[in-house]
PDB file of all heavy atoms in Angstrom:
ATOM      1  N   LEU A   1       0.822  -1.236   0.021  1.00  0.00           N
ATOM      2  CA  LEU A   1      -0.015  -0.001   0.021  1.00  0.00           C
ATOM      3  C   LEU A   1       0.859   1.263  -0.005  1.00  0.00           C
ATOM      4  O   LEU A   1       0.511   2.242  -0.599  1.00  0.00           O
ATOM      5  CB  LEU A   1      -0.923   0.000   1.211  1.00  0.00           C
ATOM      6  CG  LEU A   1      -2.038  -1.071   1.215  1.00  0.00           C
ATOM      7  CD1 LEU A   1      -2.792  -1.034   2.537  1.00  0.00           C
ATOM      8  CD2 LEU A   1      -2.967  -0.845   0.057  1.00  0.00           C
ATOM      9  N   ALA A   2       2.021   1.195   0.674  1.00  0.00           N
ATOM     10  CA  ALA A   2       2.925   2.330   0.661  1.00  0.00           C
ATOM     11  C   ALA A   2       3.443   2.560  -0.715  1.00  0.00           C
ATOM     12  O   ALA A   2       3.579   3.699  -1.169  1.00  0.00           O
ATOM     13  CB  ALA A   2       4.082   2.085   1.656  1.00  0.00           C
ATOM     14  N   ALA A   3       3.741   1.505  -1.465  1.00  0.00           N
ATOM     15  CA  ALA A   3       4.260   1.641  -2.833  1.00  0.00           C
ATOM     16  C   ALA A   3       3.206   2.261  -3.729  1.00  0.00           C
ATOM     17  O   ALA A   3       3.458   3.153  -4.566  1.00  0.00           O
ATOM     18  CB  ALA A   3       4.688   0.315  -3.369  1.00  0.00           C
ATOM     19  N   VAL A   4       1.943   1.809  -3.595  1.00  0.00           N
ATOM     20  CA  VAL A   4       0.840   2.353  -4.412  1.00  0.00           C
ATOM     21  C   VAL A   4       0.667   3.818  -4.058  1.00  0.00           C
ATOM     22  O   VAL A   4       0.471   4.679  -4.958  1.00  0.00           O
ATOM     23  CB  VAL A   4      -0.441   1.552  -4.160  1.00  0.00           C
ATOM     24  CG1 VAL A   4      -1.638   2.218  -4.803  1.00  0.00           C
ATOM     25  CG2 VAL A   4      -0.296   0.155  -4.675  1.00  0.00           C
ATOM     26  N   SER A   5       0.733   4.134  -2.764  1.00  0.00           N
ATOM     27  CA  SER A   5       0.578   5.531  -2.307  1.00  0.00           C
ATOM     28  C   SER A   5       1.645   6.428  -2.881  1.00  0.00           C
ATOM     29  O   SER A   5       1.353   7.517  -3.346  1.00  0.00           O
ATOM     30  CB  SER A   5       0.567   5.577  -0.816  1.00  0.00           C
ATOM     31  OG  SER A   5      -0.537   4.880  -0.229  1.00  0.00           O
ATOM     32  N   ALA A   6       2.886   5.908  -2.899  1.00  0.00           N
ATOM     33  CA  ALA A   6       3.964   6.683  -3.470  1.00  0.00           C
ATOM     34  C   ALA A   6       3.729   6.935  -4.941  1.00  0.00           C
ATOM     35  O   ALA A   6       4.010   8.034  -5.477  1.00  0.00           O
ATOM     36  CB  ALA A   6       5.296   5.945  -3.228  1.00  0.00           C
ATOM     37  N   SER A   7       3.250   5.947  -5.678  1.00  0.00           N
ATOM     38  CA  SER A   7       2.981   6.061  -7.098  1.00  0.00           C
ATOM     39  C   SER A   7       1.901   7.120  -7.374  1.00  0.00           C
ATOM     40  O   SER A   7       2.032   7.960  -8.246  1.00  0.00           O
ATOM     41  CB  SER A   7       2.583   4.722  -7.693  1.00  0.00           C
ATOM     42  OG  SER A   7       3.648   3.784  -7.542  1.00  0.00           O
ATOM     43  N   LEU A   8       0.837   7.039  -6.572  1.00  0.00           N
ATOM     44  CA  LEU A   8      -0.241   7.998  -6.742  1.00  0.00           C
ATOM     45  C   LEU A   8       0.231   9.421  -6.404  1.00  0.00           C
ATOM     46  O   LEU A   8      -0.179  10.381  -7.115  1.00  0.00           O
ATOM     47  CB  LEU A   8      -1.428   7.610  -5.844  1.00  0.00           C
ATOM     48  CG  LEU A   8      -2.206   6.387  -6.225  1.00  0.00           C
ATOM     49  CD1 LEU A   8      -3.251   6.044  -5.147  1.00  0.00           C
ATOM     50  CD2 LEU A   8      -2.889   6.612  -7.576  1.00  0.00           C
ATOM     51  N   PHE A   9       1.010   9.564  -5.386  1.00  0.00           N
ATOM     52  CA  PHE A   9       1.507  10.882  -5.026  1.00  0.00           C
ATOM     53  C   PHE A   9       2.403  11.463  -6.135  1.00  0.00           C
ATOM     54  O   PHE A   9       2.232  12.624  -6.541  1.00  0.00           O
ATOM     55  CB  PHE A   9       2.317  10.804  -3.713  1.00  0.00           C
ATOM     56  CG  PHE A   9       3.042  12.058  -3.380  1.00  0.00           C
ATOM     57  CD1 PHE A   9       2.380  13.202  -3.020  1.00  0.00           C
ATOM     58  CD2 PHE A   9       4.431  12.098  -3.465  1.00  0.00           C
ATOM     59  CE1 PHE A   9       3.029  14.364  -2.695  1.00  0.00           C
ATOM     60  CE2 PHE A   9       5.103  13.279  -3.159  1.00  0.00           C
ATOM     61  CZ  PHE A   9       4.417  14.392  -2.781  1.00  0.00           C
ATOM     62  N   LEU A  10       3.344  10.686  -6.640  1.00  0.00           N
ATOM     63  CA  LEU A  10       4.190  11.122  -7.708  1.00  0.00           C
ATOM     64  C   LEU A  10       3.424  11.469  -8.984  1.00  0.00           C
ATOM     65  O   LEU A  10       3.677  12.439  -9.707  1.00  0.00           O
ATOM     66  CB  LEU A  10       5.273  10.106  -7.999  1.00  0.00           C
ATOM     67  CG  LEU A  10       6.273   9.888  -6.885  1.00  0.00           C
ATOM     68  CD1 LEU A  10       7.252   8.744  -7.243  1.00  0.00           C
ATOM     69  CD2 LEU A  10       7.078  11.139  -6.612  1.00  0.00           C
ATOM     70  N   ALA A  11       2.388  10.641  -9.281  1.00  0.00           N
ATOM     71  CA  ALA A  11       1.555  10.907 -10.418  1.00  0.00           C
ATOM     72  C   ALA A  11       0.828  12.244 -10.275  1.00  0.00           C
ATOM     73  O   ALA A  11       0.658  12.996 -11.247  1.00  0.00           O
ATOM     74  CB  ALA A  11       0.567   9.749 -10.640  1.00  0.00           C
ATOM     75  N   SER A  12       0.305  12.482  -9.100  1.00  0.00           N
ATOM     76  CA  SER A  12      -0.364  13.747  -8.823  1.00  0.00           C
ATOM     77  C   SER A  12       0.524  14.948  -8.939  1.00  0.00           C
ATOM     78  O   SER A  12       0.165  15.998  -9.516  1.00  0.00           O
ATOM     79  CB  SER A  12      -1.063  13.737  -7.462  1.00  0.00           C
ATOM     80  OG  SER A  12      -1.911  14.845  -7.249  1.00  0.00           O
ATOM     81  N   VAL A  13       1.727  14.830  -8.468  1.00  0.00           N
ATOM     82  CA  VAL A  13       2.750  15.909  -8.583  1.00  0.00           C
ATOM     83  C   VAL A  13       3.048  16.191 -10.050  1.00  0.00           C
ATOM     84  O   VAL A  13       3.190  17.361 -10.467  1.00  0.00           O
ATOM     85  CB  VAL A  13       4.052  15.518  -7.810  1.00  0.00           C
ATOM     86  CG1 VAL A  13       5.138  16.513  -8.136  1.00  0.00           C
ATOM     87  CG2 VAL A  13       3.763  15.501  -6.321  1.00  0.00           C
ATOM     88  N   ALA A  14       3.135  15.123 -10.842  1.00  0.00           N
ATOM     89  CA  ALA A  14       3.459  15.302 -12.276  1.00  0.00           C
ATOM     90  C   ALA A  14       2.275  15.830 -13.082  1.00  0.00           C
ATOM     91  O   ALA A  14       2.477  16.588 -14.047  1.00  0.00           O
ATOM     92  CB  ALA A  14       3.916  13.949 -12.853  1.00  0.00           C
ATOM     93  N   ALA A  15       1.071  15.453 -12.706  1.00  0.00           N
ATOM     94  CA  ALA A  15      -0.073  15.781 -13.537  1.00  0.00           C
ATOM     95  C   ALA A  15      -0.795  17.068 -13.194  1.00  0.00           C
ATOM     96  O   ALA A  15      -1.428  17.690 -14.047  1.00  0.00           O
ATOM     97  CB  ALA A  15      -1.095  14.618 -13.467  1.00  0.00           C
ATOM     98  N   PHE A  16      -0.670  17.506 -11.924  1.00  0.00           N
ATOM     99  CA  PHE A  16      -1.471  18.681 -11.491  1.00  0.00           C
ATOM    100  C   PHE A  16      -0.562  19.760 -10.859  1.00  0.00           C
ATOM    101  O   PHE A  16       0.499  19.419 -10.314  1.00  0.00           O
ATOM    102  CB  PHE A  16      -2.533  18.239 -10.446  1.00  0.00           C
ATOM    103  CG  PHE A  16      -3.396  17.152 -10.926  1.00  0.00           C
ATOM    104  CD1 PHE A  16      -3.250  15.852 -10.468  1.00  0.00           C
ATOM    105  CD2 PHE A  16      -4.432  17.399 -11.833  1.00  0.00           C
ATOM    106  CE1 PHE A  16      -4.059  14.829 -10.909  1.00  0.00           C
ATOM    107  CE2 PHE A  16      -5.258  16.427 -12.288  1.00  0.00           C
ATOM    108  CZ  PHE A  16      -5.087  15.096 -11.814  1.00  0.00           C
ATOM    109  N   ALA A  17      -0.995  20.962 -10.974  1.00  0.00           N
ATOM    110  CA  ALA A  17      -0.293  22.067 -10.285  1.00  0.00           C
ATOM    111  C   ALA A  17      -0.430  21.925  -8.770  1.00  0.00           C
ATOM    112  O   ALA A  17       0.476  22.318  -8.042  1.00  0.00           O
ATOM    113  CB  ALA A  17      -0.877  23.399 -10.754  1.00  0.00           C
ATOM    114  N   ASP A  18      -1.516  21.334  -8.347  1.00  0.00           N
ATOM    115  CA  ASP A  18      -1.807  21.150  -6.900  1.00  0.00           C
ATOM    116  C   ASP A  18      -1.765  19.641  -6.647  1.00  0.00           C
ATOM    117  O   ASP A  18      -2.663  18.914  -7.058  1.00  0.00           O
ATOM    118  CB  ASP A  18      -3.164  21.732  -6.534  1.00  0.00           C
ATOM    119  CG  ASP A  18      -3.381  21.681  -5.026  1.00  0.00           C
ATOM    120  OD1 ASP A  18      -2.701  20.960  -4.318  1.00  0.00           O
ATOM    121  OD2 ASP A  18      -4.316  22.395  -4.583  1.00  0.00           O
ATOM    122  N   TYR A  19      -0.715  19.189  -5.962  1.00  0.00           N
ATOM    123  CA  TYR A  19      -0.569  17.722  -5.745  1.00  0.00           C
ATOM    124  C   TYR A  19      -1.715  17.150  -4.953  1.00  0.00           C
ATOM    125  O   TYR A  19      -1.957  15.947  -5.005  1.00  0.00           O
ATOM    126  CB  TYR A  19       0.742  17.445  -4.973  1.00  0.00           C
ATOM    127  CG  TYR A  19       0.660  17.697  -3.501  1.00  0.00           C
ATOM    128  CD1 TYR A  19       0.338  16.664  -2.618  1.00  0.00           C
ATOM    129  CD2 TYR A  19       0.907  18.938  -2.964  1.00  0.00           C
ATOM    130  CE1 TYR A  19       0.222  16.862  -1.278  1.00  0.00           C
ATOM    131  CE2 TYR A  19       0.783  19.122  -1.581  1.00  0.00           C
ATOM    132  CZ  TYR A  19       0.445  18.134  -0.722  1.00  0.00           C
ATOM    133  OH  TYR A  19       0.384  18.337   0.580  1.00  0.00           O
ATOM    134  N   ARG A  20      -2.440  17.957  -4.164  1.00  0.00           N
ATOM    135  CA  ARG A  20      -3.493  17.454  -3.314  1.00  0.00           C
ATOM    136  C   ARG A  20      -4.681  16.910  -4.079  1.00  0.00           C
ATOM    137  O   ARG A  20      -5.484  16.132  -3.550  1.00  0.00           O
ATOM    138  CB  ARG A  20      -4.006  18.594  -2.392  1.00  0.00           C
ATOM    139  CG  ARG A  20      -2.992  19.001  -1.332  1.00  0.00           C
ATOM    140  CD  ARG A  20      -3.472  20.262  -0.659  1.00  0.00           C
ATOM    141  NE  ARG A  20      -3.580  21.368  -1.564  1.00  0.00           N
ATOM    142  CZ  ARG A  20      -4.661  22.165  -1.620  1.00  0.00           C
ATOM    143  NH1 ARG A  20      -5.664  21.969  -0.802  1.00  0.00           N
ATOM    144  NH2 ARG A  20      -4.678  23.150  -2.483  1.00  0.00           N
ATOM    145  N   VAL A  21      -4.803  17.198  -5.365  1.00  0.00           N
ATOM    146  CA  VAL A  21      -5.920  16.717  -6.148  1.00  0.00           C
ATOM    147  C   VAL A  21      -6.036  15.204  -6.099  1.00  0.00           C
ATOM    148  O   VAL A  21      -7.065  14.630  -5.848  1.00  0.00           O
ATOM    149  CB  VAL A  21      -5.774  17.156  -7.630  1.00  0.00           C
ATOM    150  CG1 VAL A  21      -6.810  16.487  -8.510  1.00  0.00           C
ATOM    151  CG2 VAL A  21      -5.935  18.675  -7.717  1.00  0.00           C
ATOM    152  N   LEU A  22      -4.898  14.552  -6.214  1.00  0.00           N
ATOM    153  CA  LEU A  22      -4.826  13.088  -6.123  1.00  0.00           C
ATOM    154  C   LEU A  22      -3.879  12.573  -5.051  1.00  0.00           C
ATOM    155  O   LEU A  22      -4.076  11.472  -4.529  1.00  0.00           O
ATOM    156  CB  LEU A  22      -4.392  12.526  -7.472  1.00  0.00           C
ATOM    157  CG  LEU A  22      -4.304  10.996  -7.621  1.00  0.00           C
ATOM    158  CD1 LEU A  22      -5.680  10.378  -7.504  1.00  0.00           C
ATOM    159  CD2 LEU A  22      -3.687  10.591  -8.989  1.00  0.00           C
ATOM    160  N   GLY A  23      -2.948  13.421  -4.617  1.00  0.00           N
ATOM    161  CA  GLY A  23      -1.861  12.944  -3.781  1.00  0.00           C
ATOM    162  C   GLY A  23      -1.901  13.215  -2.326  1.00  0.00           C
ATOM    163  O   GLY A  23      -1.055  12.743  -1.543  1.00  0.00           O
ATOM    164  N   ALA A  24      -2.903  13.978  -1.800  1.00  0.00           N
ATOM    165  CA  ALA A  24      -2.908  14.326  -0.387  1.00  0.00           C
ATOM    166  C   ALA A  24      -3.063  13.114   0.492  1.00  0.00           C
ATOM    167  O   ALA A  24      -2.286  12.899   1.392  1.00  0.00           O
ATOM    168  CB  ALA A  24      -4.011  15.349  -0.145  1.00  0.00           C
ATOM    169  N   ALA A  25      -4.125  12.335   0.218  1.00  0.00           N
ATOM    170  CA  ALA A  25      -4.362  11.114   1.054  1.00  0.00           C
ATOM    171  C   ALA A  25      -3.198  10.109   0.925  1.00  0.00           C
ATOM    172  O   ALA A  25      -2.754   9.543   1.944  1.00  0.00           O
ATOM    173  CB  ALA A  25      -5.662  10.503   0.713  1.00  0.00           C
ATOM    174  N   PRO A  26      -2.693   9.822  -0.310  1.00  0.00           N
ATOM    175  CA  PRO A  26      -1.509   8.907  -0.416  1.00  0.00           C
ATOM    176  C   PRO A  26      -0.320   9.397   0.382  1.00  0.00           C
ATOM    177  O   PRO A  26       0.407   8.622   0.992  1.00  0.00           O
ATOM    178  CB  PRO A  26      -1.266   8.826  -1.883  1.00  0.00           C
ATOM    179  CG  PRO A  26      -2.589   9.134  -2.554  1.00  0.00           C
ATOM    180  CD  PRO A  26      -3.253  10.112  -1.642  1.00  0.00           C
ATOM    181  N   LEU A  27      -0.064  10.731   0.316  1.00  0.00           N
ATOM    182  CA  LEU A  27       1.065  11.234   1.027  1.00  0.00           C
ATOM    183  C   LEU A  27       0.870  11.074   2.535  1.00  0.00           C
ATOM    184  O   LEU A  27       1.839  10.739   3.285  1.00  0.00           O
ATOM    185  CB  LEU A  27       1.301  12.743   0.729  1.00  0.00           C
ATOM    186  CG  LEU A  27       2.411  13.440   1.472  1.00  0.00           C
ATOM    187  CD1 LEU A  27       3.762  12.753   1.192  1.00  0.00           C
ATOM    188  CD2 LEU A  27       2.480  14.913   1.106  1.00  0.00           C
ATOM    189  N   ALA A  28      -0.333  11.345   3.058  1.00  0.00           N
ATOM    190  CA  ALA A  28      -0.653  11.159   4.477  1.00  0.00           C
ATOM    191  C   ALA A  28      -0.385   9.656   4.879  1.00  0.00           C
ATOM    192  O   ALA A  28       0.175   9.404   5.922  1.00  0.00           O
ATOM    193  CB  ALA A  28      -2.075  11.566   4.781  1.00  0.00           C
ATOM    194  N   TYR A  29      -0.838   8.770   4.011  1.00  0.00           N
ATOM    195  CA  TYR A  29      -0.622   7.342   4.322  1.00  0.00           C
ATOM    196  C   TYR A  29       0.889   7.036   4.367  1.00  0.00           C
ATOM    197  O   TYR A  29       1.360   6.317   5.282  1.00  0.00           O
ATOM    198  CB  TYR A  29      -1.257   6.432   3.245  1.00  0.00           C
ATOM    199  CG  TYR A  29      -1.075   4.969   3.555  1.00  0.00           C
ATOM    200  CD1 TYR A  29      -1.927   4.283   4.403  1.00  0.00           C
ATOM    201  CD2 TYR A  29       0.013   4.258   2.976  1.00  0.00           C
ATOM    202  CE1 TYR A  29      -1.716   2.921   4.700  1.00  0.00           C
ATOM    203  CE2 TYR A  29       0.226   2.938   3.266  1.00  0.00           C
ATOM    204  CZ  TYR A  29      -0.660   2.276   4.124  1.00  0.00           C
ATOM    205  OH  TYR A  29      -0.439   0.951   4.371  1.00  0.00           O
ATOM    206  N   LEU A  30       1.633   7.557   3.428  1.00  0.00           N
ATOM    207  CA  LEU A  30       3.093   7.350   3.419  1.00  0.00           C
ATOM    208  C   LEU A  30       3.753   7.785   4.672  1.00  0.00           C
ATOM    209  O   LEU A  30       4.618   7.113   5.272  1.00  0.00           O
ATOM    210  CB  LEU A  30       3.730   8.050   2.218  1.00  0.00           C
ATOM    211  CG  LEU A  30       3.718   7.317   0.852  1.00  0.00           C
ATOM    212  CD1 LEU A  30       4.290   8.241  -0.216  1.00  0.00           C
ATOM    213  CD2 LEU A  30       4.537   6.030   0.930  1.00  0.00           C
TER     214      LEU A  30
END
C-alpha cells in the first residue's frame, strides 16, 4: 500500500499544479 501511495503521489505531482488533487491522502498514508 505504501508503494501504491507513493505512485499516486508522484503521479499527482506530475499531472497537477496542486498535488493534493490526487496525492494528499496517499502522502498522508506514506
